[in-house]
Protein backbone atom coordinates (compact mmCIF):
# COMPACT_ATOMS: atom_id res chain seq x y z
CA MET A 1 -50.10 18.53 21.29
CA THR A 2 -51.46 19.20 24.64
CA ASN A 3 -54.46 17.19 25.77
CA LEU A 4 -57.11 19.72 25.41
CA CYS A 5 -59.89 17.66 27.19
CA CYS A 6 -58.21 18.34 30.68
CA ASN A 7 -58.46 22.18 30.18
CA PRO A 8 -61.43 23.54 32.06
CA LEU A 9 -61.83 26.34 29.53
CA VAL A 10 -61.83 23.91 26.82
CA ARG A 11 -64.42 21.67 28.42
CA SER A 12 -66.42 24.80 28.74
CA ILE A 13 -66.20 25.67 25.13
CA GLN A 14 -67.28 21.99 24.33
CA GLU A 15 -70.26 22.20 26.62
CA GLU A 16 -71.45 25.57 25.29
CA ASP A 17 -71.13 25.15 21.75
CA GLY A 18 -71.43 21.34 21.27
CA MET A 19 -68.48 21.87 18.96
CA SER A 20 -65.07 20.09 19.53
CA VAL A 21 -62.16 22.39 20.44
CA GLU A 22 -60.29 21.15 17.33
CA SER A 23 -63.15 22.19 15.14
CA HIS A 24 -63.41 25.56 16.94
CA VAL A 25 -59.77 26.13 16.50
CA GLN A 26 -60.15 25.31 12.70
CA GLU A 27 -62.89 27.83 12.53
CA LEU A 28 -60.79 30.44 14.22
CA ARG A 29 -57.95 29.72 11.79
CA ARG A 30 -60.33 29.99 8.86
CA LYS A 31 -61.48 33.58 10.17
CA HIS A 32 -57.77 34.43 10.77
CA GLN A 33 -56.86 33.60 7.17
CA SER A 34 -59.82 35.36 5.93
CA LEU A 35 -58.88 38.59 7.76
CA SER A 36 -55.26 38.16 6.33
CA SER A 37 -56.69 38.24 2.90
CA ALA A 38 -58.94 41.22 3.53
CA ILE A 39 -56.03 43.25 5.06
CA GLU A 40 -53.98 42.51 2.01
CA ALA A 41 -56.77 43.60 -0.21
CA ALA A 42 -57.34 46.83 1.78
CA HIS A 43 -53.67 47.75 1.67
CA ARG A 44 -53.96 47.42 -2.25
CA SER A 45 -57.06 49.58 -2.26
CA PRO A 46 -56.33 53.37 -2.05
CA GLY A 47 -59.96 54.06 -0.70
CA THR A 48 -59.51 52.15 2.51
CA ASP A 49 -58.62 54.17 5.58
CA ASP A 50 -56.02 53.43 8.12
CA LEU A 51 -58.59 52.99 10.95
CA THR A 52 -60.28 50.18 9.05
CA ILE A 53 -57.09 48.36 8.44
CA ALA A 54 -55.98 48.85 12.09
CA GLN A 55 -59.38 47.44 13.32
CA MET A 56 -58.93 44.42 11.05
CA LYS A 57 -55.44 43.86 12.26
CA LYS A 58 -56.54 44.16 15.94
CA GLU A 59 -59.08 41.46 15.26
CA LYS A 60 -56.73 39.25 13.43
CA LEU A 61 -54.44 39.44 16.54
CA ARG A 62 -57.11 38.71 18.91
CA LEU A 63 -57.87 35.54 16.78
CA LYS A 64 -54.31 34.40 16.81
CA GLU A 65 -54.08 34.87 20.51
CA GLU A 66 -57.30 32.70 21.13
CA ILE A 67 -55.91 29.97 18.64
CA THR A 68 -52.70 29.97 20.70
CA ARG A 69 -54.47 29.79 24.08
CA LEU A 70 -56.77 27.00 22.87
CA SER A 71 -54.02 25.02 21.27
CA HIS A 72 -51.74 24.87 24.35
């Protein structure tokens, strides 16, 4: 794993939140998993419109990109 403490963005996150980068990434992963479950449920629900599903997928991708950025 890359040394996260040397990344200026990571230091900025730590200073702003008072939250460690690792716990921030864990929270992002939790949200990502929650969205995965919500997307699966939406696909099974005939009343969910395609736009809502697309918005959830877009947010899920944004979370994944942020997780990747902070983890490397």
